[in-house]
Amino acid sequence: MKDPYILIAAGAICFGNMAIAMMEPTLPIWMMETMCARKWQLGIAFLPASISYLIGTNIFGSLAHKMGR
């Protein structure tokens, strides 16, 4: 907890996930009410975020391991 780099990384992850965390419960309801979306469209709305998370963790995890601190 004394390392400032870990605190900065933890804060960035926290703020980065806040947008997705707020959209997950509200976006499907809004899509059903305003756009009359089907069930498969509700799931597809979160596909870009899931794919970017999958790619990002694999790329930046291995990159950070090679670069070190």
PDB file of N, CA and C in Angstrom:
ATOM      1  N   MET A   1       0.815  -1.202   0.000  1.00  0.00           N
ATOM      2  CA  MET A   1       0.000   0.000   0.000  1.00  0.00           C
ATOM      3  C   MET A   1       0.861   1.270   0.000  1.00  0.00           C
ATOM      4  N   LYS A   2       2.140   1.147   0.303  1.00  0.00           N
ATOM      5  CA  LYS A   2       2.999   2.327   0.311  1.00  0.00           C
ATOM      6  C   LYS A   2       3.549   2.661  -1.067  1.00  0.00           C
ATOM      7  N   ASP A   3       3.446   1.733  -1.998  1.00  0.00           N
ATOM      8  CA  ASP A   3       3.988   1.939  -3.340  1.00  0.00           C
ATOM      9  C   ASP A   3       3.028   2.815  -4.150  1.00  0.00           C
ATOM     10  N   PRO A   4       3.470   3.982  -4.605  1.00  0.00           N
ATOM     11  CA  PRO A   4       2.556   4.863  -5.341  1.00  0.00           C
ATOM     12  C   PRO A   4       2.135   4.304  -6.697  1.00  0.00           C
ATOM     13  N   TYR A   5       2.978   3.496  -7.322  1.00  0.00           N
ATOM     14  CA  TYR A   5       2.601   2.924  -8.614  1.00  0.00           C
ATOM     15  C   TYR A   5       1.431   1.952  -8.473  1.00  0.00           C
ATOM     16  N   ILE A   6       1.418   1.206  -7.390  1.00  0.00           N
ATOM     17  CA  ILE A   6       0.311   0.268  -7.173  1.00  0.00           C
ATOM     18  C   ILE A   6      -0.970   1.037  -6.870  1.00  0.00           C
ATOM     19  N   LEU A   7      -0.865   2.114  -6.128  1.00  0.00           N
ATOM     20  CA  LEU A   7      -2.048   2.926  -5.844  1.00  0.00           C
ATOM     21  C   LEU A   7      -2.597   3.574  -7.115  1.00  0.00           C
ATOM     22  N   ILE A   8      -1.709   4.044  -7.980  1.00  0.00           N
ATOM     23  CA  ILE A   8      -2.158   4.638  -9.245  1.00  0.00           C
ATOM     24  C   ILE A   8      -2.821   3.587 -10.131  1.00  0.00           C
ATOM     25  N   ALA A   9      -2.229   2.411 -10.218  1.00  0.00           N
ATOM     26  CA  ALA A   9      -2.811   1.338 -11.031  1.00  0.00           C
ATOM     27  C   ALA A   9      -4.159   0.904 -10.473  1.00  0.00           C
ATOM     28  N   ALA A  10      -4.257   0.777  -9.154  1.00  0.00           N
ATOM     29  CA  ALA A  10      -5.521   0.378  -8.542  1.00  0.00           C
ATOM     30  C   ALA A  10      -6.597   1.436  -8.771  1.00  0.00           C
ATOM     31  N   GLY A  11      -6.221   2.702  -8.683  1.00  0.00           N
ATOM     32  CA  GLY A  11      -7.184   3.773  -8.947  1.00  0.00           C
ATOM     33  C   GLY A  11      -7.637   3.798 -10.397  1.00  0.00           C
ATOM     34  N   ALA A  12      -6.710   3.570 -11.313  1.00  0.00           N
ATOM     35  CA  ALA A  12      -7.063   3.547 -12.736  1.00  0.00           C
ATOM     36  C   ALA A  12      -8.002   2.389 -13.051  1.00  0.00           C
ATOM     37  N   ILE A  13      -7.733   1.241 -12.479  1.00  0.00           N
ATOM     38  CA  ILE A  13      -8.608   0.083 -12.700  1.00  0.00           C
ATOM     39  C   ILE A  13      -9.995   0.343 -12.117  1.00  0.00           C
ATOM     40  N   CYS A  14     -10.020   0.957 -10.941  1.00  0.00           N
ATOM     41  CA  CYS A  14     -11.298   1.260 -10.293  1.00  0.00           C
ATOM     42  C   CYS A  14     -12.138   2.206 -11.146  1.00  0.00           C
ATOM     43  N   PHE A  15     -11.537   3.304 -11.601  1.00  0.00           N
ATOM     44  CA  PHE A  15     -12.286   4.255 -12.409  1.00  0.00           C
ATOM     45  C   PHE A  15     -12.620   3.695 -13.787  1.00  0.00           C
ATOM     46  N   GLY A  16     -11.751   2.875 -14.329  1.00  0.00           N
ATOM     47  CA  GLY A  16     -12.028   2.265 -15.621  1.00  0.00           C
ATOM     48  C   GLY A  16     -13.205   1.307 -15.580  1.00  0.00           C
ATOM     49  N   ASN A  17     -13.370   0.630 -14.479  1.00  0.00           N
ATOM     50  CA  ASN A  17     -14.472  -0.334 -14.350  1.00  0.00           C
ATOM     51  C   ASN A  17     -15.770   0.307 -13.895  1.00  0.00           C
ATOM     52  N   MET A  18     -15.724   1.538 -13.416  1.00  0.00           N
ATOM     53  CA  MET A  18     -16.949   2.187 -12.944  1.00  0.00           C
ATOM     54  C   MET A  18     -17.975   2.375 -14.060  1.00  0.00           C
ATOM     55  N   ALA A  19     -17.522   2.748 -15.236  1.00  0.00           N
ATOM     56  CA  ALA A  19     -18.462   2.975 -16.337  1.00  0.00           C
ATOM     57  C   ALA A  19     -19.179   1.688 -16.719  1.00  0.00           C
ATOM     58  N   ILE A  20     -18.441   0.606 -16.839  1.00  0.00           N
ATOM     59  CA  ILE A  20     -19.063  -0.675 -17.181  1.00  0.00           C
ATOM     60  C   ILE A  20     -19.975  -1.135 -16.057  1.00  0.00           C
ATOM     61  N   ALA A  21     -19.547  -0.932 -14.814  1.00  0.00           N
ATOM     62  CA  ALA A  21     -20.351  -1.370 -13.670  1.00  0.00           C
ATOM     63  C   ALA A  21     -21.668  -0.609 -13.588  1.00  0.00           C
ATOM     64  N   MET A  22     -21.679   0.643 -13.974  1.00  0.00           N
ATOM     65  CA  MET A  22     -22.930   1.403 -13.950  1.00  0.00           C
ATOM     66  C   MET A  22     -23.822   1.066 -15.145  1.00  0.00           C
ATOM     67  N   MET A  23     -23.210   0.701 -16.254  1.00  0.00           N
ATOM     68  CA  MET A  23     -24.007   0.393 -17.444  1.00  0.00           C
ATOM     69  C   MET A  23     -24.619  -0.998 -17.413  1.00  0.00           C
ATOM     70  N   GLU A  24     -23.980  -1.953 -16.750  1.00  0.00           N
ATOM     71  CA  GLU A  24     -24.476  -3.328 -16.783  1.00  0.00           C
ATOM     72  C   GLU A  24     -25.928  -3.461 -16.311  1.00  0.00           C
ATOM     73  N   PRO A  25     -26.329  -2.879 -15.212  1.00  0.00           N
ATOM     74  CA  PRO A  25     -27.725  -3.059 -14.814  1.00  0.00           C
ATOM     75  C   PRO A  25     -28.700  -2.136 -15.535  1.00  0.00           C
ATOM     76  N   THR A  26     -28.237  -0.997 -16.040  1.00  0.00           N
ATOM     77  CA  THR A  26     -29.173  -0.024 -16.602  1.00  0.00           C
ATOM     78  C   THR A  26     -29.317  -0.100 -18.117  1.00  0.00           C
ATOM     79  N   LEU A  27     -28.279  -0.470 -18.827  1.00  0.00           N
ATOM     80  CA  LEU A  27     -28.334  -0.474 -20.291  1.00  0.00           C
ATOM     81  C   LEU A  27     -29.382  -1.438 -20.856  1.00  0.00           C
ATOM     82  N   PRO A  28     -29.477  -2.681 -20.381  1.00  0.00           N
ATOM     83  CA  PRO A  28     -30.507  -3.564 -20.941  1.00  0.00           C
ATOM     84  C   PRO A  28     -31.927  -3.055 -20.718  1.00  0.00           C
ATOM     85  N   ILE A  29     -32.189  -2.467 -19.564  1.00  0.00           N
ATOM     86  CA  ILE A  29     -33.533  -1.934 -19.301  1.00  0.00           C
ATOM     87  C   ILE A  29     -33.822  -0.775 -20.242  1.00  0.00           C
ATOM     88  N   TRP A  30     -32.846   0.107 -20.412  1.00  0.00           N
ATOM     89  CA  TRP A  30     -33.027   1.241 -21.317  1.00  0.00           C
ATOM     90  C   TRP A  30     -33.221   0.766 -22.754  1.00  0.00           C
ATOM     91  N   MET A  31     -32.451  -0.248 -23.161  1.00  0.00           N
ATOM     92  CA  MET A  31     -32.579  -0.765 -24.529  1.00  0.00           C
ATOM     93  C   MET A  31     -33.944  -1.393 -24.759  1.00  0.00           C
ATOM     94  N   MET A  32     -34.469  -2.093 -23.759  1.00  0.00           N
ATOM     95  CA  MET A  32     -35.792  -2.706 -23.920  1.00  0.00           C
ATOM     96  C   MET A  32     -36.888  -1.648 -24.003  1.00  0.00           C
ATOM     97  N   GLU A  33     -36.776  -0.588 -23.208  1.00  0.00           N
ATOM     98  CA  GLU A  33     -37.829   0.429 -23.178  1.00  0.00           C
ATOM     99  C   GLU A  33     -37.778   1.365 -24.376  1.00  0.00           C
ATOM    100  N   THR A  34     -36.602   1.793 -24.782  1.00  0.00           N
ATOM    101  CA  THR A  34     -36.525   2.803 -25.842  1.00  0.00           C
ATOM    102  C   THR A  34     -36.329   2.220 -27.233  1.00  0.00           C
ATOM    103  N   MET A  35     -35.641   1.087 -27.329  1.00  0.00           N
ATOM    104  CA  MET A  35     -35.306   0.540 -28.642  1.00  0.00           C
ATOM    105  C   MET A  35     -36.026  -0.758 -28.953  1.00  0.00           C
ATOM    106  N   CYS A  36     -36.809  -1.268 -27.994  1.00  0.00           N
ATOM    107  CA  CYS A  36     -37.502  -2.552 -28.155  1.00  0.00           C
ATOM    108  C   CYS A  36     -36.516  -3.636 -28.613  1.00  0.00           C
ATOM    109  N   ALA A  37     -35.403  -3.703 -27.928  1.00  0.00           N
ATOM    110  CA  ALA A  37     -34.336  -4.639 -28.305  1.00  0.00           C
ATOM    111  C   ALA A  37     -34.711  -6.071 -27.946  1.00  0.00           C
ATOM    112  N   ARG A  38     -34.223  -7.001 -28.748  1.00  0.00           N
ATOM    113  CA  ARG A  38     -34.427  -8.424 -28.476  1.00  0.00           C
ATOM    114  C   ARG A  38     -33.385  -8.895 -27.464  1.00  0.00           C
ATOM    115  N   LYS A  39     -33.571 -10.120 -26.971  1.00  0.00           N
ATOM    116  CA  LYS A  39     -32.666 -10.644 -25.941  1.00  0.00           C
ATOM    117  C   LYS A  39     -31.236 -10.773 -26.445  1.00  0.00           C
ATOM    118  N   TRP A  40     -31.052 -11.229 -27.675  1.00  0.00           N
ATOM    119  CA  TRP A  40     -29.690 -11.402 -28.175  1.00  0.00           C
ATOM    120  C   TRP A  40     -28.995 -10.056 -28.351  1.00  0.00           C
ATOM    121  N   GLN A  41     -29.746  -8.996 -28.630  1.00  0.00           N
ATOM    122  CA  GLN A  41     -29.147  -7.678 -28.779  1.00  0.00           C
ATOM    123  C   GLN A  41     -28.688  -7.123 -27.433  1.00  0.00           C
ATOM    124  N   LEU A  42     -29.373  -7.507 -26.370  1.00  0.00           N
ATOM    125  CA  LEU A  42     -28.959  -7.069 -25.038  1.00  0.00           C
ATOM    126  C   LEU A  42     -27.597  -7.654 -24.678  1.00  0.00           C
ATOM    127  N   GLY A  43     -27.363  -8.894 -25.048  1.00  0.00           N
ATOM    128  CA  GLY A  43     -26.086  -9.530 -24.772  1.00  0.00           C
ATOM    129  C   GLY A  43     -24.969  -9.020 -25.656  1.00  0.00           C
ATOM    130  N   ILE A  44     -25.289  -8.742 -26.926  1.00  0.00           N
ATOM    131  CA  ILE A  44     -24.291  -8.259 -27.870  1.00  0.00           C
ATOM    132  C   ILE A  44     -23.786  -6.870 -27.478  1.00  0.00           C
ATOM    133  N   ALA A  45     -24.571  -6.110 -26.745  1.00  0.00           N
ATOM    134  CA  ALA A  45     -24.159  -4.757 -26.353  1.00  0.00           C
ATOM    135  C   ALA A  45     -22.889  -4.780 -25.507  1.00  0.00           C
ATOM    136  N   PHE A  46     -22.656  -5.853 -24.768  1.00  0.00           N
ATOM    137  CA  PHE A  46     -21.487  -5.935 -23.907  1.00  0.00           C
ATOM    138  C   PHE A  46     -20.337  -6.715 -24.543  1.00  0.00           C
ATOM    139  N   LEU A  47     -20.511  -7.182 -25.747  1.00  0.00           N
ATOM    140  CA  LEU A  47     -19.470  -7.940 -26.423  1.00  0.00           C
ATOM    141  C   LEU A  47     -18.199  -7.120 -26.692  1.00  0.00           C
ATOM    142  N   PRO A  48     -18.270  -5.885 -27.160  1.00  0.00           N
ATOM    143  CA  PRO A  48     -17.026  -5.125 -27.381  1.00  0.00           C
ATOM    144  C   PRO A  48     -16.203  -4.938 -26.105  1.00  0.00           C
ATOM    145  N   ALA A  49     -16.859  -4.669 -24.993  1.00  0.00           N
ATOM    146  CA  ALA A  49     -16.125  -4.494 -23.739  1.00  0.00           C
ATOM    147  C   ALA A  49     -15.470  -5.800 -23.306  1.00  0.00           C
ATOM    148  N   SER A  50     -16.152  -6.905 -23.503  1.00  0.00           N
ATOM    149  CA  SER A  50     -15.589  -8.200 -23.125  1.00  0.00           C
ATOM    150  C   SER A  50     -14.396  -8.568 -24.002  1.00  0.00           C
ATOM    151  N   ILE A  51     -14.498  -8.325 -25.282  1.00  0.00           N
ATOM    152  CA  ILE A  51     -13.406  -8.655 -26.204  1.00  0.00           C
ATOM    153  C   ILE A  51     -12.195  -7.770 -25.933  1.00  0.00           C
ATOM    154  N   SER A  52     -12.421  -6.477 -25.708  1.00  0.00           N
ATOM    155  CA  SER A  52     -11.289  -5.592 -25.437  1.00  0.00           C
ATOM    156  C   SER A  52     -10.621  -5.949 -24.118  1.00  0.00           C
ATOM    157  N   TYR A  53     -11.382  -6.382 -23.134  1.00  0.00           N
ATOM    158  CA  TYR A  53     -10.786  -6.809 -21.864  1.00  0.00           C
ATOM    159  C   TYR A  53      -9.945  -8.064 -22.070  1.00  0.00           C
ATOM    160  N   LEU A  54     -10.449  -8.997 -22.843  1.00  0.00           N
ATOM    161  CA  LEU A  54      -9.729 -10.244 -23.113  1.00  0.00           C
ATOM    162  C   LEU A  54      -8.416  -9.963 -23.843  1.00  0.00           C
ATOM    163  N   ILE A  55      -8.467  -9.143 -24.863  1.00  0.00           N
ATOM    164  CA  ILE A  55      -7.262  -8.812 -25.617  1.00  0.00           C
ATOM    165  C   ILE A  55      -6.286  -7.999 -24.766  1.00  0.00           C
ATOM    166  N   GLY A  56      -6.808  -7.016 -24.060  1.00  0.00           N
ATOM    167  CA  GLY A  56      -5.954  -6.152 -23.253  1.00  0.00           C
ATOM    168  C   GLY A  56      -5.223  -6.881 -22.150  1.00  0.00           C
ATOM    169  N   THR A  57      -5.893  -7.783 -21.465  1.00  0.00           N
ATOM    170  CA  THR A  57      -5.225  -8.506 -20.386  1.00  0.00           C
ATOM    171  C   THR A  57      -4.138  -9.424 -20.922  1.00  0.00           C
ATOM    172  N   ASN A  58      -4.357 -10.005 -22.062  1.00  0.00           N
ATOM    173  CA  ASN A  58      -3.338 -10.883 -22.625  1.00  0.00           C
ATOM    174  C   ASN A  58      -2.135 -10.099 -23.146  1.00  0.00           C
ATOM    175  N   ILE A  59      -2.382  -9.005 -23.813  1.00  0.00           N
ATOM    176  CA  ILE A  59      -1.282  -8.226 -24.381  1.00  0.00           C
ATOM    177  C   ILE A  59      -0.500  -7.512 -23.286  1.00  0.00           C
ATOM    178  N   PHE A  60      -1.191  -6.771 -22.448  1.00  0.00           N
ATOM    179  CA  PHE A  60      -0.487  -5.951 -21.465  1.00  0.00           C
ATOM    180  C   PHE A  60       0.064  -6.768 -20.319  1.00  0.00           C
ATOM    181  N   GLY A  61      -0.528  -7.903 -20.035  1.00  0.00           N
ATOM    182  CA  GLY A  61       0.036  -8.772 -18.998  1.00  0.00           C
ATOM    183  C   GLY A  61       1.381  -9.339 -19.416  1.00  0.00           C
ATOM    184  N   SER A  62       1.461  -9.861 -20.617  1.00  0.00           N
ATOM    185  CA  SER A  62       2.728 -10.394 -21.094  1.00  0.00           C
ATOM    186  C   SER A  62       3.753  -9.290 -21.344  1.00  0.00           C
ATOM    187  N   LEU A  63       3.296  -8.127 -21.805  1.00  0.00           N
ATOM    188  CA  LEU A  63       4.187  -6.999 -22.029  1.00  0.00           C
ATOM    189  C   LEU A  63       4.780  -6.515 -20.697  1.00  0.00           C
ATOM    190  N   ALA A  64       3.964  -6.419 -19.666  1.00  0.00           N
ATOM    191  CA  ALA A  64       4.460  -5.996 -18.361  1.00  0.00           C
ATOM    192  C   ALA A  64       5.423  -7.019 -17.770  1.00  0.00           C
ATOM    193  N   HIS A  65       5.167  -8.277 -18.033  1.00  0.00           N
ATOM    194  CA  HIS A  65       6.072  -9.315 -17.537  1.00  0.00           C
ATOM    195  C   HIS A  65       7.450  -9.223 -18.209  1.00  0.00           C
ATOM    196  N   LYS A  66       7.458  -8.910 -19.511  1.00  0.00           N
ATOM    197  CA  LYS A  66       8.730  -8.768 -20.229  1.00  0.00           C
ATOM    198  C   LYS A  66       9.472  -7.503 -19.830  1.00  0.00           C
ATOM    199  N   MET A  67       8.755  -6.411 -19.652  1.00  0.00           N
ATOM    200  CA  MET A  67       9.383  -5.146 -19.340  1.00  0.00           C
ATOM    201  C   MET A  67       9.837  -5.078 -17.873  1.00  0.00           C
ATOM    202  N   GLY A  68       9.110  -5.742 -17.022  1.00  0.00           N
ATOM    203  CA  GLY A  68       9.415  -5.645 -15.602  1.00  0.00           C
ATOM    204  C   GLY A  68       8.902  -4.332 -15.046  1.00  0.00           C
ATOM    205  N   ARG A  69       9.312  -4.030 -13.873  1.00  0.00           N
ATOM    206  CA  ARG A  69       8.843  -2.808 -13.262  1.00  0.00           C
ATOM    207  C   ARG A  69       9.714  -1.703 -13.734  1.00  0.00           C
TER     208      ARG A  69
END
